[in-house]
PDB file of N, CA and C in Angstrom:
ATOM      1  N   MET A   1      -7.125 -81.906  46.564  1.00  0.00           N
ATOM      2  CA  MET A   1      -7.735 -81.914  45.242  1.00  0.00           C
ATOM      3  C   MET A   1      -9.218 -81.581  45.395  1.00  0.00           C
ATOM      4  N   GLY A   2      -9.688 -80.649  44.597  1.00  0.00           N
ATOM      5  CA  GLY A   2     -11.078 -80.255  44.662  1.00  0.00           C
ATOM      6  C   GLY A   2     -11.986 -81.268  43.995  1.00  0.00           C
ATOM      7  N   ILE A   3     -13.242 -81.191  44.364  1.00  0.00           N
ATOM      8  CA  ILE A   3     -14.211 -82.158  43.832  1.00  0.00           C
ATOM      9  C   ILE A   3     -14.414 -81.962  42.328  1.00  0.00           C
ATOM     10  N   TRP A   4     -14.365 -80.709  41.841  1.00  0.00           N
ATOM     11  CA  TRP A   4     -14.584 -80.471  40.412  1.00  0.00           C
ATOM     12  C   TRP A   4     -13.409 -80.986  39.588  1.00  0.00           C
ATOM     13  N   ARG A   5     -12.198 -80.833  40.123  1.00  0.00           N
ATOM     14  CA  ARG A   5     -11.016 -81.361  39.418  1.00  0.00           C
ATOM     15  C   ARG A   5     -11.073 -82.882  39.363  1.00  0.00           C
ATOM     16  N   GLN A   6     -11.461 -83.489  40.466  1.00  0.00           N
ATOM     17  CA  GLN A   6     -11.548 -84.946  40.514  1.00  0.00           C
ATOM     18  C   GLN A   6     -12.623 -85.452  39.549  1.00  0.00           C
ATOM     19  N   LEU A   7     -13.757 -84.767  39.509  1.00  0.00           N
ATOM     20  CA  LEU A   7     -14.829 -85.137  38.585  1.00  0.00           C
ATOM     21  C   LEU A   7     -14.360 -84.986  37.138  1.00  0.00           C
ATOM     22  N   ALA A   8     -13.628 -83.914  36.847  1.00  0.00           N
ATOM     23  CA  ALA A   8     -13.111 -83.702  35.493  1.00  0.00           C
ATOM     24  C   ALA A   8     -12.123 -84.799  35.099  1.00  0.00           C
ATOM     25  N   GLU A   9     -11.332 -85.270  36.073  1.00  0.00           N
ATOM     26  CA  GLU A   9     -10.400 -86.359  35.778  1.00  0.00           C
ATOM     27  C   GLU A   9     -11.142 -87.662  35.515  1.00  0.00           C
ATOM     28  N   TYR A  10     -12.213 -87.918  36.254  1.00  0.00           N
ATOM     29  CA  TYR A  10     -12.988 -89.142  36.047  1.00  0.00           C
ATOM     30  C   TYR A  10     -13.609 -89.165  34.658  1.00  0.00           C
ATOM     31  N   LEU A  11     -14.053 -88.001  34.200  1.00  0.00           N
ATOM     32  CA  LEU A  11     -14.735 -87.929  32.909  1.00  0.00           C
ATOM     33  C   LEU A  11     -13.772 -87.640  31.756  1.00  0.00           C
ATOM     34  N   TYR A  12     -12.472 -87.731  32.006  1.00  0.00           N
ATOM     35  CA  TYR A  12     -11.427 -87.507  31.005  1.00  0.00           C
ATOM     36  C   TYR A  12     -11.438 -86.093  30.443  1.00  0.00           C
ATOM     37  N   ILE A  13     -11.908 -85.113  31.215  1.00  0.00           N
ATOM     38  CA  ILE A  13     -11.893 -83.727  30.756  1.00  0.00           C
ATOM     39  C   ILE A  13     -10.543 -83.095  31.091  1.00  0.00           C
ATOM     40  N   LYS A  14      -9.978 -83.472  32.206  1.00  0.00           N
ATOM     41  CA  LYS A  14      -8.713 -82.902  32.666  1.00  0.00           C
ATOM     42  C   LYS A  14      -7.685 -84.018  32.839  1.00  0.00           C
ATOM     43  N   LYS A  15      -6.431 -83.716  32.550  1.00  0.00           N
ATOM     44  CA  LYS A  15      -5.367 -84.715  32.708  1.00  0.00           C
ATOM     45  C   LYS A  15      -5.146 -85.004  34.183  1.00  0.00           C
ATOM     46  N   LYS A  16      -4.753 -86.226  34.472  1.00  0.00           N
ATOM     47  CA  LYS A  16      -4.497 -86.629  35.849  1.00  0.00           C
ATOM     48  C   LYS A  16      -3.241 -85.955  36.383  1.00  0.00           C
ATOM     49  N   ASP A  17      -3.204 -85.798  37.688  1.00  0.00           N
ATOM     50  CA  ASP A  17      -2.045 -85.226  38.361  1.00  0.00           C
ATOM     51  C   ASP A  17      -0.883 -86.218  38.284  1.00  0.00           C
ATOM     52  N   PRO A  18       0.249 -85.841  37.694  1.00  0.00           N
ATOM     53  CA  PRO A  18       1.362 -86.797  37.578  1.00  0.00           C
ATOM     54  C   PRO A  18       1.990 -87.152  38.924  1.00  0.00           C
ATOM     55  N   LYS A  19       1.802 -86.325  39.937  1.00  0.00           N
ATOM     56  CA  LYS A  19       2.375 -86.593  41.257  1.00  0.00           C
ATOM     57  C   LYS A  19       1.519 -87.544  42.088  1.00  0.00           C
ATOM     58  N   ALA A  20       0.292 -87.773  41.656  1.00  0.00           N
ATOM     59  CA  ALA A  20      -0.617 -88.634  42.422  1.00  0.00           C
ATOM     60  C   ALA A  20      -0.149 -90.085  42.343  1.00  0.00           C
ATOM     61  N   PRO A  21      -0.247 -90.804  43.444  1.00  0.00           N
ATOM     62  CA  PRO A  21       0.163 -92.215  43.409  1.00  0.00           C
ATOM     63  C   PRO A  21      -0.808 -93.048  42.571  1.00  0.00           C
ATOM     64  N   THR A  22      -0.269 -93.989  41.830  1.00  0.00           N
ATOM     65  CA  THR A  22      -1.126 -94.861  41.018  1.00  0.00           C
ATOM     66  C   THR A  22      -0.927 -96.300  41.475  1.00  0.00           C
ATOM     67  N   THR A  23      -1.985 -96.864  41.967  1.00  0.00           N
ATOM     68  CA  THR A  23      -1.977 -98.275  42.323  1.00  0.00           C
ATOM     69  C   THR A  23      -3.140 -98.935  41.612  1.00  0.00           C
ATOM     70  N   THR A  24      -3.145-100.229  41.611  1.00  0.00           N
ATOM     71  CA  THR A  24      -4.227-100.957  40.957  1.00  0.00           C
ATOM     72  C   THR A  24      -5.557-100.654  41.623  1.00  0.00           C
ATOM     73  N   TRP A  25      -5.552-100.537  42.951  1.00  0.00           N
ATOM     74  CA  TRP A  25      -6.804-100.307  43.666  1.00  0.00           C
ATOM     75  C   TRP A  25      -7.372 -98.925  43.373  1.00  0.00           C
ATOM     76  N   ILE A  26      -6.514 -97.933  43.206  1.00  0.00           N
ATOM     77  CA  ILE A  26      -6.996 -96.596  42.863  1.00  0.00           C
ATOM     78  C   ILE A  26      -7.594 -96.608  41.461  1.00  0.00           C
ATOM     79  N   LYS A  27      -6.977 -97.348  40.541  1.00  0.00           N
ATOM     80  CA  LYS A  27      -7.526 -97.456  39.186  1.00  0.00           C
ATOM     81  C   LYS A  27      -8.905 -98.112  39.209  1.00  0.00           C
ATOM     82  N   TYR A  28      -9.056 -99.168  40.012  1.00  0.00           N
ATOM     83  CA  TYR A  28     -10.367 -99.813  40.135  1.00  0.00           C
ATOM     84  C   TYR A  28     -11.392 -98.846  40.714  1.00  0.00           C
ATOM     85  N   MET A  29     -11.002 -98.111  41.757  1.00  0.00           N
ATOM     86  CA  MET A  29     -11.915 -97.174  42.398  1.00  0.00           C
ATOM     87  C   MET A  29     -12.348 -96.087  41.415  1.00  0.00           C
ATOM     88  N   HIS A  30     -11.402 -95.542  40.646  1.00  0.00           N
ATOM     89  CA  HIS A  30     -11.746 -94.511  39.679  1.00  0.00           C
ATOM     90  C   HIS A  30     -12.640 -95.066  38.575  1.00  0.00           C
ATOM     91  N   GLY A  31     -12.407 -96.298  38.159  1.00  0.00           N
ATOM     92  CA  GLY A  31     -13.267 -96.917  37.146  1.00  0.00           C
ATOM     93  C   GLY A  31     -14.690 -97.087  37.640  1.00  0.00           C
ATOM     94  N   ILE A  32     -14.845 -97.538  38.875  1.00  0.00           N
ATOM     95  CA  ILE A  32     -16.183 -97.704  39.446  1.00  0.00           C
ATOM     96  C   ILE A  32     -16.860 -96.353  39.613  1.00  0.00           C
ATOM     97  N   ASN A  33     -16.106 -95.350  40.058  1.00  0.00           N
ATOM     98  CA  ASN A  33     -16.674 -94.006  40.197  1.00  0.00           C
ATOM     99  C   ASN A  33     -17.110 -93.460  38.845  1.00  0.00           C
ATOM    100  N   ARG A  34     -16.317 -93.711  37.811  1.00  0.00           N
ATOM    101  CA  ARG A  34     -16.659 -93.236  36.471  1.00  0.00           C
ATOM    102  C   ARG A  34     -17.951 -93.895  35.985  1.00  0.00           C
ATOM    103  N   ILE A  35     -18.098 -95.191  36.215  1.00  0.00           N
ATOM    104  CA  ILE A  35     -19.315 -95.902  35.820  1.00  0.00           C
ATOM    105  C   ILE A  35     -20.520 -95.334  36.555  1.00  0.00           C
ATOM    106  N   SER A  36     -20.375 -95.087  37.873  1.00  0.00           N
ATOM    107  CA  SER A  36     -21.524 -94.581  38.628  1.00  0.00           C
ATOM    108  C   SER A  36     -21.905 -93.167  38.201  1.00  0.00           C
ATOM    109  N   ILE A  37     -20.926 -92.338  37.858  1.00  0.00           N
ATOM    110  CA  ILE A  37     -21.244 -90.982  37.394  1.00  0.00           C
ATOM    111  C   ILE A  37     -22.004 -91.052  36.079  1.00  0.00           C
ATOM    112  N   PHE A  38     -21.549 -91.892  35.138  1.00  0.00           N
ATOM    113  CA  PHE A  38     -22.242 -92.016  33.855  1.00  0.00           C
ATOM    114  C   PHE A  38     -23.655 -92.579  34.032  1.00  0.00           C
ATOM    115  N   MET A  39     -23.825 -93.540  34.920  1.00  0.00           N
ATOM    116  CA  MET A  39     -25.160 -94.091  35.166  1.00  0.00           C
ATOM    117  C   MET A  39     -26.071 -93.039  35.787  1.00  0.00           C
ATOM    118  N   PHE A  40     -25.544 -92.247  36.709  1.00  0.00           N
ATOM    119  CA  PHE A  40     -26.328 -91.185  37.333  1.00  0.00           C
ATOM    120  C   PHE A  40     -26.755 -90.150  36.298  1.00  0.00           C
ATOM    121  N   LEU A  41     -25.827 -89.721  35.444  1.00  0.00           N
ATOM    122  CA  LEU A  41     -26.165 -88.735  34.418  1.00  0.00           C
ATOM    123  C   LEU A  41     -27.172 -89.293  33.415  1.00  0.00           C
ATOM    124  N   ALA A  42     -27.052 -90.565  33.062  1.00  0.00           N
ATOM    125  CA  ALA A  42     -28.012 -91.190  32.149  1.00  0.00           C
ATOM    126  C   ALA A  42     -29.395 -91.253  32.790  1.00  0.00           C
ATOM    127  N   ALA A  43     -29.459 -91.566  34.082  1.00  0.00           N
ATOM    128  CA  ALA A  43     -30.747 -91.628  34.776  1.00  0.00           C
ATOM    129  C   ALA A  43     -31.387 -90.249  34.865  1.00  0.00           C
ATOM    130  N   ILE A  44     -30.596 -89.226  35.160  1.00  0.00           N
ATOM    131  CA  ILE A  44     -31.121 -87.857  35.221  1.00  0.00           C
ATOM    132  C   ILE A  44     -31.645 -87.443  33.853  1.00  0.00           C
ATOM    133  N   LEU A  45     -30.894 -87.754  32.801  1.00  0.00           N
ATOM    134  CA  LEU A  45     -31.329 -87.428  31.442  1.00  0.00           C
ATOM    135  C   LEU A  45     -32.623 -88.159  31.102  1.00  0.00           C
ATOM    136  N   PHE A  46     -32.720 -89.429  31.474  1.00  0.00           N
ATOM    137  CA  PHE A  46     -33.931 -90.208  31.233  1.00  0.00           C
ATOM    138  C   PHE A  46     -35.126 -89.598  31.963  1.00  0.00           C
ATOM    139  N   ILE A  47     -34.946 -89.198  33.200  1.00  0.00           N
ATOM    140  CA  ILE A  47     -36.034 -88.602  33.982  1.00  0.00           C
ATOM    141  C   ILE A  47     -36.481 -87.286  33.359  1.00  0.00           C
ATOM    142  N   ILE A  48     -35.534 -86.464  32.916  1.00  0.00           N
ATOM    143  CA  ILE A  48     -35.886 -85.183  32.300  1.00  0.00           C
ATOM    144  C   ILE A  48     -36.637 -85.401  30.999  1.00  0.00           C
ATOM    145  N   ILE A  49     -36.160 -86.312  30.146  1.00  0.00           N
ATOM    146  CA  ILE A  49     -36.833 -86.582  28.867  1.00  0.00           C
ATOM    147  C   ILE A  49     -38.230 -87.130  29.107  1.00  0.00           C
ATOM    148  N   ARG A  50     -38.350 -88.051  30.064  1.00  0.00           N
ATOM    149  CA  ARG A  50     -39.663 -88.618  30.368  1.00  0.00           C
ATOM    150  C   ARG A  50     -40.608 -87.553  30.900  1.00  0.00           C
ATOM    151  N   ALA A  51     -40.115 -86.651  31.725  1.00  0.00           N
ATOM    152  CA  ALA A  51     -40.959 -85.600  32.292  1.00  0.00           C
ATOM    153  C   ALA A  51     -41.394 -84.601  31.224  1.00  0.00           C
ATOM    154  N   LEU A  52     -40.522 -84.322  30.267  1.00  0.00           N
ATOM    155  CA  LEU A  52     -40.848 -83.324  29.250  1.00  0.00           C
ATOM    156  C   LEU A  52     -41.745 -83.869  28.144  1.00  0.00           C
ATOM    157  N   PHE A  53     -41.521 -85.101  27.721  1.00  0.00           N
ATOM    158  CA  PHE A  53     -42.205 -85.603  26.539  1.00  0.00           C
ATOM    159  C   PHE A  53     -43.292 -86.634  26.805  1.00  0.00           C
ATOM    160  N   PHE A  54     -43.242 -87.306  27.924  1.00  0.00           N
ATOM    161  CA  PHE A  54     -44.183 -88.391  28.155  1.00  0.00           C
ATOM    162  C   PHE A  54     -45.042 -88.185  29.395  1.00  0.00           C
ATOM    163  N   HIS A  55     -45.237 -86.929  29.784  1.00  0.00           N
ATOM    164  CA  HIS A  55     -46.056 -86.696  30.976  1.00  0.00           C
ATOM    165  C   HIS A  55     -47.534 -86.845  30.629  1.00  0.00           C
ATOM    166  N   ARG A  56     -48.298 -87.273  31.608  1.00  0.00           N
ATOM    167  CA  ARG A  56     -49.738 -87.457  31.411  1.00  0.00           C
ATOM    168  C   ARG A  56     -50.476 -86.275  32.005  1.00  0.00           C
ATOM    169  N   HIS A  57     -51.528 -85.873  31.340  1.00  0.00           N
ATOM    170  CA  HIS A  57     -52.327 -84.736  31.822  1.00  0.00           C
ATOM    171  C   HIS A  57     -53.434 -85.204  32.702  1.00  0.00           C
TER     172      HIS A  57
END
């Protein structure tokens, strides 16, 4: 499985592979990965907004 497909599955852009095994631990791992991706994207967005609008001269 490619990294872009896996990322798309975490963000609910692409449907999960029906052949992939599903266990409780994999669900927990995917949930934690999804939270970390959203936090990373929020931090990047915050840094960009702060750099564009609140920079000091």
